[in-house]
Amino acid sequence: MSVIMYSTGYCPYCARARKLFEMKGVDYREIRIDDHPEKREEMIAKSGRNTVPQIFINGQHIGGCDDMYALENQGKLDKLLQKLG
């Protein structure tokens, strides 16, 4: 069980997503596609999207930063994160 975020170092949406994870105390694995450009194709294949961030919780694609904040505002993000164990 894990949280994975495909990101870049210069993306403001990635920074917002990192901030929310840090506020919630969530450990996550960050795959920087600017440092590892070969991972971009992997991200696109898994998510169907070519923008960052792309976030996965327990293998479930939840989308990007705005999608994650929407889940937070709906009270659904904590439920997904509780399943991390």
PDB file of N, CA and C in Angstrom:
ATOM      1  N   MET A   1       0.841  -1.180   0.000  1.00  0.00           N
ATOM      2  CA  MET A   1       0.000   0.000   0.000  1.00  0.00           C
ATOM      3  C   MET A   1       0.880   1.235   0.000  1.00  0.00           C
ATOM      4  N   SER A   2       0.534   2.183  -0.888  1.00  0.00           N
ATOM      5  CA  SER A   2       1.446   3.306  -1.029  1.00  0.00           C
ATOM      6  C   SER A   2       0.779   4.499  -1.691  1.00  0.00           C
ATOM      7  N   VAL A   3       1.506   5.613  -1.632  1.00  0.00           N
ATOM      8  CA  VAL A   3       1.140   6.824  -2.364  1.00  0.00           C
ATOM      9  C   VAL A   3       2.307   7.131  -3.285  1.00  0.00           C
ATOM     10  N   ILE A   4       1.996   7.268  -4.567  1.00  0.00           N
ATOM     11  CA  ILE A   4       3.003   7.588  -5.570  1.00  0.00           C
ATOM     12  C   ILE A   4       2.562   8.837  -6.302  1.00  0.00           C
ATOM     13  N   MET A   5       3.505   9.769  -6.477  1.00  0.00           N
ATOM     14  CA  MET A   5       3.214  10.986  -7.216  1.00  0.00           C
ATOM     15  C   MET A   5       4.281  11.192  -8.280  1.00  0.00           C
ATOM     16  N   TYR A   6       3.863  11.235  -9.525  1.00  0.00           N
ATOM     17  CA  TYR A   6       4.743  11.633 -10.618  1.00  0.00           C
ATOM     18  C   TYR A   6       4.739  13.157 -10.643  1.00  0.00           C
ATOM     19  N   SER A   7       5.920  13.751 -10.714  1.00  0.00           N
ATOM     20  CA  SER A   7       6.013  15.202 -10.570  1.00  0.00           C
ATOM     21  C   SER A   7       7.242  15.751 -11.289  1.00  0.00           C
ATOM     22  N   THR A   8       7.365  17.078 -11.205  1.00  0.00           N
ATOM     23  CA  THR A   8       8.598  17.764 -11.580  1.00  0.00           C
ATOM     24  C   THR A   8       8.949  18.732 -10.448  1.00  0.00           C
ATOM     25  N   GLY A   9      10.167  19.189 -10.445  1.00  0.00           N
ATOM     26  CA  GLY A   9      10.612  20.101  -9.401  1.00  0.00           C
ATOM     27  C   GLY A   9      10.112  21.522  -9.584  1.00  0.00           C
ATOM     28  N   TYR A  10       9.688  21.875 -10.789  1.00  0.00           N
ATOM     29  CA  TYR A  10       9.316  23.255 -11.077  1.00  0.00           C
ATOM     30  C   TYR A  10       7.803  23.474 -11.191  1.00  0.00           C
ATOM     31  N   CYS A  11       7.007  22.436 -10.987  1.00  0.00           N
ATOM     32  CA  CYS A  11       5.558  22.520 -11.160  1.00  0.00           C
ATOM     33  C   CYS A  11       4.882  23.045  -9.889  1.00  0.00           C
ATOM     34  N   PRO A  12       4.145  24.167  -9.986  1.00  0.00           N
ATOM     35  CA  PRO A  12       3.483  24.697  -8.794  1.00  0.00           C
ATOM     36  C   PRO A  12       2.381  23.772  -8.261  1.00  0.00           C
ATOM     37  N   TYR A  13       1.737  23.012  -9.136  1.00  0.00           N
ATOM     38  CA  TYR A  13       0.712  22.068  -8.683  1.00  0.00           C
ATOM     39  C   TYR A  13       1.341  20.909  -7.915  1.00  0.00           C
ATOM     40  N   CYS A  14       2.525  20.516  -8.336  1.00  0.00           N
ATOM     41  CA  CYS A  14       3.256  19.473  -7.610  1.00  0.00           C
ATOM     42  C   CYS A  14       3.606  19.971  -6.205  1.00  0.00           C
ATOM     43  N   ALA A  15       4.022  21.227  -6.118  1.00  0.00           N
ATOM     44  CA  ALA A  15       4.362  21.815  -4.812  1.00  0.00           C
ATOM     45  C   ALA A  15       3.132  21.853  -3.907  1.00  0.00           C
ATOM     46  N   ARG A  16       1.965  22.183  -4.460  1.00  0.00           N
ATOM     47  CA  ARG A  16       0.723  22.195  -3.665  1.00  0.00           C
ATOM     48  C   ARG A  16       0.376  20.791  -3.178  1.00  0.00           C
ATOM     49  N   ALA A  17       0.568  19.804  -4.045  1.00  0.00           N
ATOM     50  CA  ALA A  17       0.277  18.423  -3.657  1.00  0.00           C
ATOM     51  C   ALA A  17       1.235  17.976  -2.559  1.00  0.00           C
ATOM     52  N   ARG A  18       2.527  18.287  -2.702  1.00  0.00           N
ATOM     53  CA  ARG A  18       3.510  17.948  -1.663  1.00  0.00           C
ATOM     54  C   ARG A  18       3.104  18.560  -0.326  1.00  0.00           C
ATOM     55  N   LYS A  19       2.675  19.824  -0.374  1.00  0.00           N
ATOM     56  CA  LYS A  19       2.305  20.532   0.848  1.00  0.00           C
ATOM     57  C   LYS A  19       1.141  19.833   1.549  1.00  0.00           C
ATOM     58  N   LEU A  20       0.144  19.400   0.791  1.00  0.00           N
ATOM     59  CA  LEU A  20      -0.994  18.708   1.404  1.00  0.00           C
ATOM     60  C   LEU A  20      -0.556  17.380   2.011  1.00  0.00           C
ATOM     61  N   PHE A  21       0.270  16.636   1.296  1.00  0.00           N
ATOM     62  CA  PHE A  21       0.774  15.378   1.853  1.00  0.00           C
ATOM     63  C   PHE A  21       1.548  15.634   3.145  1.00  0.00           C
ATOM     64  N   GLU A  22       2.388  16.655   3.153  1.00  0.00           N
ATOM     65  CA  GLU A  22       3.182  16.966   4.342  1.00  0.00           C
ATOM     66  C   GLU A  22       2.290  17.405   5.498  1.00  0.00           C
ATOM     67  N   MET A  23       1.253  18.210   5.215  1.00  0.00           N
ATOM     68  CA  MET A  23       0.324  18.647   6.268  1.00  0.00           C
ATOM     69  C   MET A  23      -0.393  17.447   6.892  1.00  0.00           C
ATOM     70  N   LYS A  24      -0.650  16.438   6.087  1.00  0.00           N
ATOM     71  CA  LYS A  24      -1.357  15.254   6.571  1.00  0.00           C
ATOM     72  C   LYS A  24      -0.399  14.188   7.115  1.00  0.00           C
ATOM     73  N   GLY A  25       0.894  14.412   6.999  1.00  0.00           N
ATOM     74  CA  GLY A  25       1.866  13.445   7.480  1.00  0.00           C
ATOM     75  C   GLY A  25       1.917  12.174   6.651  1.00  0.00           C
ATOM     76  N   VAL A  26       1.647  12.303   5.364  1.00  0.00           N
ATOM     77  CA  VAL A  26       1.603  11.143   4.469  1.00  0.00           C
ATOM     78  C   VAL A  26       2.986  10.899   3.877  1.00  0.00           C
ATOM     79  N   ASP A  27       3.461   9.665   4.013  1.00  0.00           N
ATOM     80  CA  ASP A  27       4.682   9.264   3.326  1.00  0.00           C
ATOM     81  C   ASP A  27       4.307   8.931   1.894  1.00  0.00           C
ATOM     82  N   TYR A  28       5.067   9.437   0.960  1.00  0.00           N
ATOM     83  CA  TYR A  28       4.773   9.176  -0.445  1.00  0.00           C
ATOM     84  C   TYR A  28       6.068   9.009  -1.215  1.00  0.00           C
ATOM     85  N   ARG A  29       5.962   8.298  -2.315  1.00  0.00           N
ATOM     86  CA  ARG A  29       7.103   8.118  -3.205  1.00  0.00           C
ATOM     87  C   ARG A  29       6.922   9.084  -4.360  1.00  0.00           C
ATOM     88  N   GLU A  30       7.904   9.908  -4.575  1.00  0.00           N
ATOM     89  CA  GLU A  30       7.849  10.885  -5.651  1.00  0.00           C
ATOM     90  C   GLU A  30       8.730  10.421  -6.797  1.00  0.00           C
ATOM     91  N   ILE A  31       8.166  10.362  -7.981  1.00  0.00           N
ATOM     92  CA  ILE A  31       8.912  10.010  -9.186  1.00  0.00           C
ATOM     93  C   ILE A  31       9.031  11.275 -10.010  1.00  0.00           C
ATOM     94  N   ARG A  32      10.223  11.834 -10.041  1.00  0.00           N
ATOM     95  CA  ARG A  32      10.465  13.104 -10.733  1.00  0.00           C
ATOM     96  C   ARG A  32      10.758  12.834 -12.204  1.00  0.00           C
ATOM     97  N   ILE A  33       9.804  13.175 -13.055  1.00  0.00           N
ATOM     98  CA  ILE A  33       9.999  12.912 -14.480  1.00  0.00           C
ATOM     99  C   ILE A  33      10.944  13.923 -15.125  1.00  0.00           C
ATOM    100  N   ASP A  34      11.255  15.008 -14.428  1.00  0.00           N
ATOM    101  CA  ASP A  34      12.281  15.912 -14.955  1.00  0.00           C
ATOM    102  C   ASP A  34      13.673  15.330 -14.715  1.00  0.00           C
ATOM    103  N   ASP A  35      13.832  14.571 -13.645  1.00  0.00           N
ATOM    104  CA  ASP A  35      15.102  13.895 -13.367  1.00  0.00           C
ATOM    105  C   ASP A  35      15.203  12.552 -14.081  1.00  0.00           C
ATOM    106  N   HIS A  36      14.060  11.927 -14.323  1.00  0.00           N
ATOM    107  CA  HIS A  36      13.995  10.602 -14.960  1.00  0.00           C
ATOM    108  C   HIS A  36      12.989  10.644 -16.101  1.00  0.00           C
ATOM    109  N   PRO A  37      13.366  11.265 -17.240  1.00  0.00           N
ATOM    110  CA  PRO A  37      12.419  11.458 -18.336  1.00  0.00           C
ATOM    111  C   PRO A  37      11.838  10.157 -18.886  1.00  0.00           C
ATOM    112  N   GLU A  38      12.531   9.053 -18.703  1.00  0.00           N
ATOM    113  CA  GLU A  38      12.000   7.763 -19.163  1.00  0.00           C
ATOM    114  C   GLU A  38      10.741   7.356 -18.402  1.00  0.00           C
ATOM    115  N   LYS A  39      10.521   7.945 -17.236  1.00  0.00           N
ATOM    116  CA  LYS A  39       9.338   7.628 -16.425  1.00  0.00           C
ATOM    117  C   LYS A  39       8.081   8.346 -16.931  1.00  0.00           C
ATOM    118  N   ARG A  40       8.232   9.332 -17.818  1.00  0.00           N
ATOM    119  CA  ARG A  40       7.073  10.042 -18.369  1.00  0.00           C
ATOM    120  C   ARG A  40       6.145   9.075 -19.102  1.00  0.00           C
ATOM    121  N   GLU A  41       6.699   8.208 -19.930  1.00  0.00           N
ATOM    122  CA  GLU A  41       5.871   7.239 -20.662  1.00  0.00           C
ATOM    123  C   GLU A  41       5.155   6.294 -19.713  1.00  0.00           C
ATOM    124  N   GLU A  42       5.824   5.896 -18.652  1.00  0.00           N
ATOM    125  CA  GLU A  42       5.207   5.049 -17.633  1.00  0.00           C
ATOM    126  C   GLU A  42       4.012   5.771 -17.006  1.00  0.00           C
ATOM    127  N   MET A  43       4.193   7.047 -16.672  1.00  0.00           N
ATOM    128  CA  MET A  43       3.127   7.841 -16.077  1.00  0.00           C
ATOM    129  C   MET A  43       1.939   7.947 -17.026  1.00  0.00           C
ATOM    130  N   ILE A  44       2.196   8.233 -18.282  1.00  0.00           N
ATOM    131  CA  ILE A  44       1.120   8.378 -19.269  1.00  0.00           C
ATOM    132  C   ILE A  44       0.383   7.058 -19.446  1.00  0.00           C
ATOM    133  N   ALA A  45       1.131   5.955 -19.495  1.00  0.00           N
ATOM    134  CA  ALA A  45       0.501   4.640 -19.655  1.00  0.00           C
ATOM    135  C   ALA A  45      -0.406   4.306 -18.471  1.00  0.00           C
ATOM    136  N   LYS A  46       0.032   4.669 -17.269  1.00  0.00           N
ATOM    137  CA  LYS A  46      -0.748   4.353 -16.065  1.00  0.00           C
ATOM    138  C   LYS A  46      -1.943   5.281 -15.876  1.00  0.00           C
ATOM    139  N   SER A  47      -1.780   6.565 -16.230  1.00  0.00           N
ATOM    140  CA  SER A  47      -2.807   7.553 -15.914  1.00  0.00           C
ATOM    141  C   SER A  47      -3.648   7.985 -17.112  1.00  0.00           C
ATOM    142  N   GLY A  48      -3.102   7.829 -18.308  1.00  0.00           N
ATOM    143  CA  GLY A  48      -3.772   8.346 -19.486  1.00  0.00           C
ATOM    144  C   GLY A  48      -3.630   9.853 -19.630  1.00  0.00           C
ATOM    145  N   ARG A  49      -2.810  10.459 -18.793  1.00  0.00           N
ATOM    146  CA  ARG A  49      -2.593  11.914 -18.808  1.00  0.00           C
ATOM    147  C   ARG A  49      -1.109  12.207 -18.965  1.00  0.00           C
ATOM    148  N   ASN A  50      -0.822  13.395 -19.525  1.00  0.00           N
ATOM    149  CA  ASN A  50       0.590  13.741 -19.719  1.00  0.00           C
ATOM    150  C   ASN A  50       1.029  14.950 -18.906  1.00  0.00           C
ATOM    151  N   THR A  51       0.191  15.391 -17.966  1.00  0.00           N
ATOM    152  CA  THR A  51       0.549  16.518 -17.111  1.00  0.00           C
ATOM    153  C   THR A  51       0.899  16.018 -15.707  1.00  0.00           C
ATOM    154  N   VAL A  52       1.660  16.837 -14.992  1.00  0.00           N
ATOM    155  CA  VAL A  52       2.003  16.502 -13.609  1.00  0.00           C
ATOM    156  C   VAL A  52       1.315  17.474 -12.680  1.00  0.00           C
ATOM    157  N   PRO A  53       1.072  17.067 -11.445  1.00  0.00           N
ATOM    158  CA  PRO A  53       1.346  15.737 -10.909  1.00  0.00           C
ATOM    159  C   PRO A  53       0.267  14.737 -11.310  1.00  0.00           C
ATOM    160  N   GLN A  54       0.631  13.477 -11.259  1.00  0.00           N
ATOM    161  CA  GLN A  54      -0.321  12.379 -11.350  1.00  0.00           C
ATOM    162  C   GLN A  54      -0.134  11.572 -10.078  1.00  0.00           C
ATOM    163  N   ILE A  55      -1.230  11.370  -9.362  1.00  0.00           N
ATOM    164  CA  ILE A  55      -1.173  10.808  -8.016  1.00  0.00           C
ATOM    165  C   ILE A  55      -1.934   9.495  -7.960  1.00  0.00           C
ATOM    166  N   PHE A  56      -1.314   8.524  -7.312  1.00  0.00           N
ATOM    167  CA  PHE A  56      -1.894   7.202  -7.131  1.00  0.00           C
ATOM    168  C   PHE A  56      -1.896   6.865  -5.643  1.00  0.00           C
ATOM    169  N   ILE A  57      -3.034   6.406  -5.144  1.00  0.00           N
ATOM    170  CA  ILE A  57      -3.130   5.945  -3.757  1.00  0.00           C
ATOM    171  C   ILE A  57      -3.536   4.496  -3.792  1.00  0.00           C
ATOM    172  N   ASN A  58      -2.669   3.641  -3.255  1.00  0.00           N
ATOM    173  CA  ASN A  58      -2.898   2.189  -3.283  1.00  0.00           C
ATOM    174  C   ASN A  58      -3.192   1.695  -4.692  1.00  0.00           C
ATOM    175  N   GLY A  59      -2.454   2.221  -5.659  1.00  0.00           N
ATOM    176  CA  GLY A  59      -2.608   1.796  -7.040  1.00  0.00           C
ATOM    177  C   GLY A  59      -3.770   2.440  -7.772  1.00  0.00           C
ATOM    178  N   GLN A  60      -4.603   3.183  -7.064  1.00  0.00           N
ATOM    179  CA  GLN A  60      -5.759   3.847  -7.679  1.00  0.00           C
ATOM    180  C   GLN A  60      -5.358   5.240  -8.133  1.00  0.00           C
ATOM    181  N   HIS A  61      -5.556   5.514  -9.404  1.00  0.00           N
ATOM    182  CA  HIS A  61      -5.241   6.844  -9.931  1.00  0.00           C
ATOM    183  C   HIS A  61      -6.307   7.815  -9.456  1.00  0.00           C
ATOM    184  N   ILE A  62      -5.891   8.838  -8.704  1.00  0.00           N
ATOM    185  CA  ILE A  62      -6.870   9.827  -8.243  1.00  0.00           C
ATOM    186  C   ILE A  62      -6.807  11.106  -9.071  1.00  0.00           C
ATOM    187  N   GLY A  63      -5.815  11.227  -9.934  1.00  0.00           N
ATOM    188  CA  GLY A  63      -5.698  12.392 -10.801  1.00  0.00           C
ATOM    189  C   GLY A  63      -4.564  13.292 -10.373  1.00  0.00           C
ATOM    190  N   GLY A  64      -4.770  14.593 -10.606  1.00  0.00           N
ATOM    191  CA  GLY A  64      -3.749  15.581 -10.301  1.00  0.00           C
ATOM    192  C   GLY A  64      -4.020  16.315  -9.007  1.00  0.00           C
ATOM    193  N   CYS A  65      -3.364  17.442  -8.859  1.00  0.00           N
ATOM    194  CA  CYS A  65      -3.469  18.237  -7.635  1.00  0.00           C
ATOM    195  C   CYS A  65      -4.895  18.712  -7.392  1.00  0.00           C
ATOM    196  N   ASP A  66      -5.531  19.276  -8.416  1.00  0.00           N
ATOM    197  CA  ASP A  66      -6.896  19.772  -8.243  1.00  0.00           C
ATOM    198  C   ASP A  66      -7.842  18.639  -7.861  1.00  0.00           C
ATOM    199  N   ASP A  67      -7.630  17.460  -8.455  1.00  0.00           N
ATOM    200  CA  ASP A  67      -8.457  16.298  -8.115  1.00  0.00           C
ATOM    201  C   ASP A  67      -8.265  15.897  -6.656  1.00  0.00           C
ATOM    202  N   MET A  68      -7.006  15.937  -6.193  1.00  0.00           N
ATOM    203  CA  MET A  68      -6.729  15.571  -4.812  1.00  0.00           C
ATOM    204  C   MET A  68      -7.358  16.584  -3.846  1.00  0.00           C
ATOM    205  N   TYR A  69      -7.254  17.872  -4.158  1.00  0.00           N
ATOM    206  CA  TYR A  69      -7.873  18.880  -3.300  1.00  0.00           C
ATOM    207  C   TYR A  69      -9.402  18.772  -3.325  1.00  0.00           C
ATOM    208  N   ALA A  70      -9.980  18.375  -4.458  1.00  0.00           N
ATOM    209  CA  ALA A  70     -11.427  18.156  -4.517  1.00  0.00           C
ATOM    210  C   ALA A  70     -11.817  17.019  -3.585  1.00  0.00           C
ATOM    211  N   LEU A  71     -11.038  15.932  -3.581  1.00  0.00           N
ATOM    212  CA  LEU A  71     -11.300  14.829  -2.657  1.00  0.00           C
ATOM    213  C   LEU A  71     -11.190  15.305  -1.211  1.00  0.00           C
ATOM    214  N   GLU A  72     -10.201  16.140  -0.938  1.00  0.00           N
ATOM    215  CA  GLU A  72     -10.013  16.689   0.403  1.00  0.00           C
ATOM    216  C   GLU A  72     -11.233  17.519   0.810  1.00  0.00           C
ATOM    217  N   ASN A  73     -11.695  18.383  -0.087  1.00  0.00           N
ATOM    218  CA  ASN A  73     -12.834  19.253   0.211  1.00  0.00           C
ATOM    219  C   ASN A  73     -14.129  18.466   0.387  1.00  0.00           C
ATOM    220  N   GLN A  74     -14.219  17.305  -0.244  1.00  0.00           N
ATOM    221  CA  GLN A  74     -15.401  16.439  -0.120  1.00  0.00           C
ATOM    222  C   GLN A  74     -15.298  15.490   1.081  1.00  0.00           C
ATOM    223  N   GLY A  75     -14.164  15.526   1.789  1.00  0.00           N
ATOM    224  CA  GLY A  75     -13.971  14.642   2.928  1.00  0.00           C
ATOM    225  C   GLY A  75     -13.649  13.215   2.543  1.00  0.00           C
ATOM    226  N   LYS A  76     -13.211  13.001   1.304  1.00  0.00           N
ATOM    227  CA  LYS A  76     -12.945  11.644   0.816  1.00  0.00           C
ATOM    228  C   LYS A  76     -11.463  11.268   0.840  1.00  0.00           C
ATOM    229  N   LEU A  77     -10.592  12.244   0.888  1.00  0.00           N
ATOM    230  CA  LEU A  77      -9.156  11.954   0.823  1.00  0.00           C
ATOM    231  C   LEU A  77      -8.695  11.174   2.045  1.00  0.00           C
ATOM    232  N   ASP A  78      -9.129  11.592   3.234  1.00  0.00           N
ATOM    233  CA  ASP A  78      -8.699  10.896   4.446  1.00  0.00           C
ATOM    234  C   ASP A  78      -9.121   9.436   4.425  1.00  0.00           C
ATOM    235  N   LYS A  79     -10.298   9.154   3.876  1.00  0.00           N
ATOM    236  CA  LYS A  79     -10.762   7.755   3.795  1.00  0.00           C
ATOM    237  C   LYS A  79      -9.838   6.931   2.919  1.00  0.00           C
ATOM    238  N   LEU A  80      -9.400   7.511   1.796  1.00  0.00           N
ATOM    239  CA  LEU A  80      -8.462   6.797   0.933  1.00  0.00           C
ATOM    240  C   LEU A  80      -7.126   6.582   1.642  1.00  0.00           C
ATOM    241  N   LEU A  81      -6.679   7.611   2.345  1.00  0.00           N
ATOM    242  CA  LEU A  81      -5.386   7.516   3.032  1.00  0.00           C
ATOM    243  C   LEU A  81      -5.439   6.577   4.232  1.00  0.00           C
ATOM    244  N   GLN A  82      -6.589   6.434   4.881  1.00  0.00           N
ATOM    245  CA  GLN A  82      -6.708   5.524   6.023  1.00  0.00           C
ATOM    246  C   GLN A  82      -6.480   4.082   5.604  1.00  0.00           C
ATOM    247  N   LYS A  83      -6.765   3.778   4.361  1.00  0.00           N
ATOM    248  CA  LYS A  83      -6.585   2.412   3.855  1.00  0.00           C
ATOM    249  C   LYS A  83      -5.106   2.066   3.681  1.00  0.00           C
ATOM    250  N   LEU A  84      -4.235   3.062   3.878  1.00  0.00           N
ATOM    251  CA  LEU A  84      -2.801   2.800   3.754  1.00  0.00           C
ATOM    252  C   LEU A  84      -2.300   1.892   4.872  1.00  0.00           C
ATOM    253  N   GLY A  85      -2.984   1.921   6.001  1.00  0.00           N
ATOM    254  CA  GLY A  85      -2.596   1.057   7.116  1.00  0.00           C
ATOM    255  C   GLY A  85      -1.505   1.600   7.880  1.00  0.00           C
TER     256      GLY A  85
END
